[in-house]
Amino acid sequence: MELNGNKSVAAAAGAFAIEGEFAGAAPYGSGHINDSYRAIFRRNGSQSCYILQRINHRIFKNPVTLMENIERVTAHLAAQVADDPDRDRRVLTLIPARSGGVLHVDADGEYWRAYVFIDRATTYNSVESAEQAFQAAKAFGEFQRMLADLPAPRLHDTIPDFHHTPRRFAALEQAIAADVAGRVALVQPEIDFALARKSLAVALIDVGLPERVTHNDTKINNVLLDDATGEGTCVIDLDTVMPGLAAYDFGDMVRTATCRAAEDEQDLSKVSMEFPLFEALARGYLSTASGFLTHEEKESLAVAGKLITFEIGIRFLTDYLSGDTYFKVHRQGHNLERCRAQFKLLASIEQQEDQIRNLLASI
């Protein structure tokens, strides 16, 4: 435990309405965007834990509207689970700032927030079993279900056009034409693979699917799983909660949870969609989401995994062609490795498409 060693963290902790004496904080979790700390406060011989987060306002350029979204979403979810005896562990609970509101801005202009720490639950960076996939998907489906009746007004778009695949594809075409890094000749097979699937980019655009409140980052490590039961306890990391299509969340689950290989796996023989994991996701998600989804939304789930995998693949390819200006890279050709892994996963999903459609029709 970092006992009062980090003055900025200690000062931020004191800015929130937390009873007791700050006893220290240490980095927490595996997130790559915000800086997160587990802080301990002591009072009357006992201690309580909280999560302090410094919001990356270089990525999330308007922390005020971001937090307006999170306040509305957490308040609505809390009302939905008010009669649950475990309600304090089912929803993130924001701690007010002493100055008012839920944001603290420190002397360096950094934005901070604080949550009650949810104990006896764990996040996992990768799926370890079909049961974990089922429970995570069930939690995300329940999350969408509880927010399906969120009253107006519409939530803010935290990142505009986040899943607008046609615009992502147009950016790829522009990167190919510009060839600013002189790399087009090195990746013609990948370019051909992407161009051959241009129609996939518009698969869910303008087909009349209803707008929902969606999470938009449905990796398994954004669900706390109960240590005793393994069930999904709480959906976390709400920074990208905004209007979207239900299929986007399901598709991102397929992309991130059905393949055990790393996102930048170089041995492409290890990259494939494992159908038992897809089945677990589908059954878990629909066990909680099927009641509010329309027939057209349920049909869209069959293409969702393909679409989101394609989208992130072309984003990696675009960044590679542009000289690696967006995603952090750790070696030469890193974005190209990521692109190739996504395209291999997409090909695997395509090969199992009949099974996917048959399963979804049977649930």
Protein backbone atom coordinates (compact mmCIF):
# COMPACT_ATOMS: atom_id res chain seq x y z
CA MET A 1 0.00 0.00 0.00
CA GLU A 2 1.31 3.40 -1.00
CA LEU A 3 0.91 5.25 2.32
CA ASN A 4 0.45 8.92 1.52
CA GLY A 5 3.27 8.66 -1.01
CA ASN A 6 1.35 10.14 -3.89
CA LYS A 7 0.34 13.63 -2.91
CA SER A 8 -1.99 14.15 -5.88
CA VAL A 9 -3.92 10.98 -5.06
CA ALA A 10 -4.10 11.89 -1.37
CA ALA A 11 -5.31 15.39 -2.21
CA ALA A 12 -7.93 14.01 -4.60
CA ALA A 13 -9.12 11.55 -1.97
CA GLY A 14 -9.64 14.38 0.48
CA ALA A 15 -11.77 16.24 -2.04
CA PHE A 16 -14.59 13.68 -1.82
CA ALA A 17 -17.19 13.27 0.92
CA ILE A 18 -15.63 10.17 2.44
CA GLU A 19 -15.74 9.75 6.20
CA GLY A 20 -12.59 8.79 8.04
CA GLU A 21 -8.86 9.30 7.61
CA PHE A 22 -7.10 8.61 4.31
CA ALA A 23 -4.66 5.74 4.95
CA GLY A 24 -3.14 5.25 1.51
CA ALA A 25 -3.75 4.25 -2.07
CA ALA A 26 -2.24 1.99 -4.70
CA PRO A 27 -2.78 1.56 -8.45
CA TYR A 28 -5.67 -0.75 -9.22
CA GLY A 29 -6.89 -2.71 -12.24
CA SER A 30 -5.58 -3.15 -15.76
CA GLY A 31 -7.22 -0.23 -17.58
CA HIS A 32 -5.18 1.63 -20.17
CA ILE A 33 -7.12 4.91 -20.33
CA ASN A 34 -7.77 6.30 -16.86
CA ASP A 35 -5.51 6.09 -13.80
CA SER A 36 -7.27 4.06 -11.12
CA TYR A 37 -6.38 3.69 -7.43
CA ARG A 38 -7.77 1.64 -4.58
CA ALA A 39 -7.89 3.99 -1.61
CA ILE A 40 -8.27 2.99 2.05
CA PHE A 41 -9.92 5.14 4.70
CA ARG A 42 -9.91 4.30 8.42
CA ARG A 43 -12.61 5.27 10.92
CA ASN A 44 -13.29 4.04 14.45
CA GLY A 45 -10.96 1.07 14.09
CA SER A 46 -12.39 -0.18 10.80
CA GLN A 47 -11.50 0.53 7.20
CA SER A 48 -13.37 1.10 3.97
CA CYS A 49 -12.18 1.00 0.38
CA TYR A 50 -12.94 3.30 -2.54
CA ILE A 51 -11.90 3.60 -6.16
CA LEU A 52 -10.34 6.92 -7.16
CA GLN A 53 -9.94 7.61 -10.87
CA ARG A 54 -8.15 10.34 -12.73
CA ILE A 55 -10.10 10.70 -15.98
CA ASN A 56 -8.04 10.86 -19.15
CA HIS A 57 -9.47 14.06 -20.61
CA ARG A 58 -7.23 13.73 -23.64
CA ILE A 59 -9.38 10.75 -24.68
CA PHE A 60 -12.61 11.85 -23.03
CA LYS A 61 -12.54 15.48 -23.99
CA ASN A 62 -15.61 16.55 -22.02
CA PRO A 63 -15.49 14.97 -18.55
CA VAL A 64 -18.48 17.02 -17.41
CA THR A 65 -20.91 15.55 -19.94
CA LEU A 66 -19.31 12.13 -19.49
CA MET A 67 -20.12 12.27 -15.80
CA GLU A 68 -23.63 13.52 -16.52
CA ASN A 69 -24.15 10.27 -18.44
CA ILE A 70 -22.72 8.18 -15.62
CA GLU A 71 -24.79 9.95 -12.95
CA ARG A 72 -28.01 9.36 -14.87
CA VAL A 73 -27.18 5.75 -15.68
CA THR A 74 -26.10 4.76 -12.17
CA ALA A 75 -29.11 6.49 -10.60
CA HIS A 76 -31.48 4.66 -12.95
CA LEU A 77 -29.79 1.32 -12.33
CA ALA A 78 -29.86 1.87 -8.56
CA ALA A 79 -33.62 2.46 -8.71
CA GLN A 80 -34.03 -0.77 -10.70
CA VAL A 81 -32.26 -2.87 -8.03
CA ALA A 82 -33.55 -0.98 -4.97
CA ASP A 83 -35.30 -4.09 -3.60
CA ASP A 84 -32.31 -6.38 -4.13
CA PRO A 85 -30.67 -7.27 -0.78
CA ASP A 86 -27.30 -7.11 -2.58
CA ARG A 87 -28.11 -3.77 -4.24
CA ASP A 88 -24.95 -2.01 -3.02
CA ARG A 89 -22.86 -4.45 -5.07
CA ARG A 90 -25.06 -4.42 -8.18
CA VAL A 91 -24.40 -0.84 -9.32
CA LEU A 92 -21.47 1.54 -9.13
CA THR A 93 -22.01 4.19 -6.44
CA LEU A 94 -20.51 7.63 -7.04
CA ILE A 95 -19.14 9.61 -4.09
CA PRO A 96 -20.02 13.33 -4.13
CA ALA A 97 -17.22 15.88 -4.21
CA ARG A 98 -17.08 18.18 -1.19
CA SER A 99 -17.34 21.15 -3.54
CA GLY A 100 -20.56 19.79 -5.07
CA GLY A 101 -21.28 17.49 -7.98
CA VAL A 102 -19.31 14.31 -8.57
CA LEU A 103 -16.17 15.73 -10.19
CA HIS A 104 -13.09 17.18 -8.53
CA VAL A 105 -10.68 19.27 -10.61
CA ASP A 106 -7.25 19.46 -9.01
CA ALA A 107 -4.62 22.21 -9.18
CA ASP A 108 -3.16 20.70 -12.36
CA GLY A 109 -6.51 20.72 -14.14
CA GLU A 110 -6.94 16.95 -13.81
CA TYR A 111 -10.44 15.52 -13.37
CA TRP A 112 -11.12 13.00 -10.58
CA ARG A 113 -14.09 10.87 -9.51
CA ALA A 114 -14.64 8.36 -6.72
CA TYR A 115 -16.71 5.20 -6.38
CA VAL A 116 -17.50 2.88 -3.49
CA PHE A 117 -15.30 -0.20 -3.84
CA ILE A 118 -17.28 -3.39 -4.56
CA ASP A 119 -15.79 -6.25 -2.58
CA ARG A 120 -15.95 -10.03 -2.94
CA ALA A 121 -15.94 -9.77 -6.75
CA THR A 122 -13.19 -9.99 -9.35
CA THR A 123 -12.54 -8.98 -12.95
CA TYR A 124 -10.77 -11.27 -15.41
CA ASN A 125 -8.74 -10.08 -18.37
CA SER A 126 -9.67 -13.08 -20.50
CA VAL A 127 -12.40 -15.70 -20.54
CA GLU A 128 -11.36 -18.83 -18.67
CA SER A 129 -14.48 -20.94 -19.29
CA ALA A 130 -17.80 -21.05 -21.10
CA GLU A 131 -19.51 -20.41 -17.77
CA GLN A 132 -17.63 -17.14 -17.36
CA ALA A 133 -18.64 -16.12 -20.89
CA PHE A 134 -22.27 -16.95 -20.06
CA GLN A 135 -22.25 -14.93 -16.83
CA ALA A 136 -20.54 -11.89 -18.37
CA ALA A 137 -22.94 -11.83 -21.32
CA LYS A 138 -25.90 -12.28 -18.98
CA ALA A 139 -24.73 -9.24 -16.99
CA PHE A 140 -24.35 -7.09 -20.10
CA GLY A 141 -27.80 -8.15 -21.31
CA GLU A 142 -29.27 -7.24 -17.93
CA PHE A 143 -27.44 -3.91 -18.07
CA GLN A 144 -29.06 -3.10 -21.42
CA ARG A 145 -32.45 -4.32 -20.22
CA MET A 146 -32.45 -2.11 -17.13
CA LEU A 147 -31.50 0.93 -19.20
CA ALA A 148 -34.01 0.29 -21.99
CA ASP A 149 -36.50 2.62 -20.30
CA LEU A 150 -34.05 5.37 -19.30
CA PRO A 151 -36.11 8.58 -19.50
CA ALA A 152 -35.29 11.39 -21.94
CA PRO A 153 -33.20 13.32 -22.73
CA ARG A 154 -30.86 11.28 -24.89
CA LEU A 155 -27.46 10.56 -23.35
CA HIS A 156 -24.46 12.50 -24.61
CA ASP A 157 -22.28 10.92 -27.29
CA THR A 158 -19.08 10.44 -25.32
CA ILE A 159 -17.14 9.60 -28.50
CA PRO A 160 -19.13 10.67 -31.58
CA ASP A 161 -19.45 8.09 -34.40
CA PHE A 162 -17.71 5.47 -32.26
CA HIS A 163 -19.27 2.55 -34.15
CA HIS A 164 -20.04 4.29 -37.45
CA THR A 165 -18.39 1.59 -39.56
CA PRO A 166 -18.95 3.32 -42.95
CA ARG A 167 -16.91 6.29 -41.73
CA ARG A 168 -14.23 3.95 -40.43
CA PHE A 169 -14.15 2.34 -43.88
CA ALA A 170 -13.97 5.72 -45.61
CA ALA A 171 -10.97 6.57 -43.40
CA LEU A 172 -9.31 3.35 -44.58
CA GLU A 173 -9.90 4.26 -48.22
CA GLN A 174 -8.40 7.70 -47.61
CA ALA A 175 -5.37 6.15 -45.91
CA ILE A 176 -4.85 3.82 -48.87
CA ALA A 177 -5.05 6.71 -51.33
CA ALA A 178 -2.71 8.95 -49.32
CA ASP A 179 -0.16 6.23 -48.44
CA VAL A 180 1.65 8.72 -46.21
CA ALA A 181 3.91 6.08 -44.68
CA GLY A 182 4.67 4.27 -47.93
CA ARG A 183 3.21 1.01 -46.65
CA VAL A 184 0.39 0.23 -49.10
CA ALA A 185 2.60 -2.06 -51.21
CA LEU A 186 3.45 -4.09 -48.08
CA VAL A 187 -0.14 -4.98 -47.18
CA GLN A 188 -1.98 -5.59 -50.43
CA PRO A 189 -3.50 -8.91 -49.20
CA GLU A 190 -4.95 -7.15 -46.14
CA ILE A 191 -6.24 -4.27 -48.26
CA ASP A 192 -7.86 -6.72 -50.68
CA PHE A 193 -9.45 -8.61 -47.77
CA ALA A 194 -10.97 -5.37 -46.44
CA LEU A 195 -12.14 -4.01 -49.78
CA ALA A 196 -13.87 -7.29 -50.60
CA ARG A 197 -16.04 -6.78 -47.49
CA LYS A 198 -17.01 -3.16 -48.03
CA SER A 199 -20.70 -4.09 -47.94
CA LEU A 200 -20.29 -5.38 -44.38
CA ALA A 201 -19.60 -1.82 -43.21
CA VAL A 202 -23.23 -0.81 -43.84
CA ALA A 203 -24.85 -4.02 -42.60
CA LEU A 204 -26.51 -2.38 -39.58
CA ILE A 205 -26.79 1.20 -40.83
CA ASP A 206 -30.18 2.59 -41.84
CA VAL A 207 -32.04 -0.69 -41.36
CA GLY A 208 -34.39 0.68 -38.73
CA LEU A 209 -32.86 -0.82 -35.59
CA PRO A 210 -33.86 1.10 -32.44
CA GLU A 211 -31.29 3.16 -30.61
CA ARG A 212 -30.49 1.79 -27.15
CA VAL A 213 -28.32 2.75 -24.22
CA THR A 214 -25.24 0.62 -24.79
CA HIS A 215 -21.98 0.05 -22.93
CA ASN A 216 -19.68 0.02 -25.98
CA ASP A 217 -16.75 -1.74 -24.28
CA THR A 218 -18.09 -5.18 -23.42
CA LYS A 219 -14.86 -6.98 -22.62
CA ILE A 220 -15.14 -9.52 -19.82
CA ASN A 221 -12.92 -7.36 -17.61
CA ASN A 222 -15.71 -4.80 -17.47
CA VAL A 223 -17.93 -7.15 -15.45
CA LEU A 224 -17.28 -7.96 -11.80
CA LEU A 225 -17.91 -11.67 -11.19
CA ASP A 226 -18.89 -12.73 -7.69
CA ASP A 227 -16.09 -14.60 -5.92
CA ALA A 228 -18.48 -17.12 -4.35
CA THR A 229 -21.02 -17.78 -7.09
CA GLY A 230 -19.22 -16.71 -10.27
CA GLU A 231 -22.28 -14.71 -11.30
CA GLY A 232 -22.05 -11.26 -12.85
CA THR A 233 -22.33 -8.78 -9.99
CA CYS A 234 -21.82 -5.36 -11.56
CA VAL A 235 -21.01 -3.87 -14.97
CA ILE A 236 -18.20 -1.33 -14.60
CA ASP A 237 -16.22 1.17 -16.71
CA LEU A 238 -19.14 3.31 -17.84
CA ASP A 239 -17.16 5.97 -19.71
CA THR A 240 -18.40 4.85 -23.13
CA VAL A 241 -22.05 4.32 -22.13
CA MET A 242 -24.00 6.25 -24.75
CA PRO A 243 -26.63 5.74 -27.45
CA GLY A 244 -25.96 2.85 -29.83
CA LEU A 245 -27.26 -0.43 -31.18
CA ALA A 246 -27.69 -3.48 -28.94
CA ALA A 247 -25.81 -5.49 -31.55
CA TYR A 248 -22.67 -3.39 -31.03
CA ASP A 249 -22.33 -4.63 -27.46
CA PHE A 250 -23.02 -8.23 -28.43
CA GLY A 251 -20.59 -7.99 -31.34
CA ASP A 252 -17.80 -6.70 -29.13
CA MET A 253 -18.40 -9.61 -26.76
CA VAL A 254 -18.01 -12.00 -29.69
CA ARG A 255 -14.81 -10.28 -30.80
CA THR A 256 -13.17 -10.24 -27.38
CA ALA A 257 -14.48 -13.38 -25.66
CA THR A 258 -14.69 -16.16 -28.26
CA CYS A 259 -10.99 -16.26 -29.18
CA ARG A 260 -8.39 -17.21 -26.59
CA ALA A 261 -5.51 -15.75 -28.59
CA ALA A 262 -4.24 -12.25 -27.89
CA GLU A 263 -5.47 -9.33 -29.96
CA ASP A 264 -1.96 -9.03 -31.42
CA GLU A 265 -1.24 -12.77 -31.76
CA GLN A 266 1.41 -13.32 -34.44
CA ASP A 267 0.79 -17.06 -34.82
CA LEU A 268 -2.47 -16.88 -36.74
CA SER A 269 -3.03 -20.62 -36.40
CA LYS A 270 -4.05 -19.83 -32.81
CA VAL A 271 -6.71 -17.31 -33.88
CA SER A 272 -10.24 -18.65 -34.30
CA MET A 273 -13.72 -18.27 -32.90
CA GLU A 274 -14.53 -21.10 -30.48
CA PHE A 275 -18.16 -21.96 -31.07
CA PRO A 276 -18.82 -23.23 -27.51
CA LEU A 277 -17.79 -19.80 -26.22
CA PHE A 278 -20.06 -18.12 -28.77
CA GLU A 279 -22.95 -20.33 -27.67
CA ALA A 280 -22.32 -19.43 -24.02
CA LEU A 281 -22.32 -15.72 -24.88
CA ALA A 282 -25.49 -15.97 -26.93
CA ARG A 283 -27.38 -17.95 -24.30
CA GLY A 284 -26.20 -15.68 -21.49
CA TYR A 285 -27.01 -12.46 -23.31
CA LEU A 286 -30.42 -13.55 -24.54
CA SER A 287 -31.38 -14.93 -21.13
CA THR A 288 -31.67 -11.32 -19.96
CA ALA A 289 -32.00 -9.26 -23.16
CA SER A 290 -34.50 -11.20 -25.23
CA GLY A 291 -37.48 -9.66 -23.46
CA PHE A 292 -36.85 -6.14 -24.77
CA LEU A 293 -35.11 -6.83 -28.10
CA THR A 294 -37.19 -6.58 -31.26
CA HIS A 295 -37.25 -9.37 -33.81
CA GLU A 296 -34.97 -7.30 -36.07
CA GLU A 297 -32.51 -6.72 -33.23
CA LYS A 298 -32.31 -10.44 -32.52
CA GLU A 299 -31.62 -11.06 -36.22
CA SER A 300 -28.87 -8.41 -36.15
CA LEU A 301 -26.92 -10.43 -33.59
CA ALA A 302 -25.94 -12.89 -36.33
CA VAL A 303 -23.88 -10.24 -38.09
CA ALA A 304 -22.75 -8.32 -35.00
CA GLY A 305 -19.56 -10.29 -34.34
CA LYS A 306 -18.47 -10.01 -37.95
CA LEU A 307 -19.17 -6.29 -38.07
CA ILE A 308 -17.32 -5.27 -34.90
CA THR A 309 -14.34 -7.54 -35.68
CA PHE A 310 -14.19 -6.05 -39.17
CA GLU A 311 -14.43 -2.53 -37.77
CA ILE A 312 -11.53 -2.88 -35.36
CA GLY A 313 -9.50 -4.71 -38.00
CA ILE A 314 -9.82 -1.87 -40.50
CA ARG A 315 -9.05 0.65 -37.76
CA PHE A 316 -5.76 -1.16 -37.07
CA LEU A 317 -5.01 -1.29 -40.80
CA THR A 318 -5.84 2.40 -41.23
CA ASP A 319 -3.51 3.33 -38.38
CA TYR A 320 -0.72 1.18 -39.81
CA LEU A 321 -1.06 2.87 -43.22
CA SER A 322 -1.15 6.29 -41.53
CA GLY A 323 2.12 5.73 -39.70
CA ASP A 324 0.80 4.47 -36.33
CA THR A 325 -0.67 7.75 -35.12
CA TYR A 326 -3.58 6.58 -32.95
CA PHE A 327 -3.07 3.22 -31.25
CA LYS A 328 -0.03 2.76 -29.04
CA VAL A 329 2.47 0.38 -30.65
CA HIS A 330 5.25 -1.52 -28.92
CA ARG A 331 7.17 -2.76 -31.95
CA GLN A 332 7.49 -2.28 -35.67
CA GLY A 333 4.42 -3.59 -37.46
CA HIS A 334 2.38 -3.93 -34.28
CA ASN A 335 -0.79 -2.48 -35.81
CA LEU A 336 -0.40 -4.78 -38.80
CA GLU A 337 -0.17 -7.79 -36.47
CA ARG A 338 -3.35 -6.64 -34.75
CA CYS A 339 -5.08 -6.19 -38.10
CA ARG A 340 -4.09 -9.65 -39.30
CA ALA A 341 -5.34 -11.26 -36.08
CA GLN A 342 -8.70 -9.50 -36.42
CA PHE A 343 -9.05 -10.46 -40.07
CA LYS A 344 -8.22 -14.10 -39.23
CA LEU A 345 -10.86 -14.05 -36.50
CA LEU A 346 -13.35 -12.52 -38.94
CA ALA A 347 -12.66 -15.29 -41.44
CA SER A 348 -13.24 -17.86 -38.70
CA ILE A 349 -16.56 -16.24 -37.78
CA GLU A 350 -17.59 -16.26 -41.44
CA GLN A 351 -16.82 -19.97 -41.71
CA GLN A 352 -19.21 -20.67 -38.80
CA GLU A 353 -21.97 -18.33 -39.90
CA ASP A 354 -24.54 -21.05 -40.58
CA GLN A 355 -24.04 -22.47 -37.08
CA ILE A 356 -24.33 -18.97 -35.63
CA ARG A 357 -27.64 -18.29 -37.37
CA ASN A 358 -29.06 -21.69 -36.50
CA LEU A 359 -28.16 -21.30 -32.83
CA LEU A 360 -29.59 -17.79 -32.54
CA ALA A 361 -32.82 -18.90 -34.22
CA SER A 362 -33.18 -21.70 -31.69
CA ILE A 363 -32.80 -19.56 -28.54
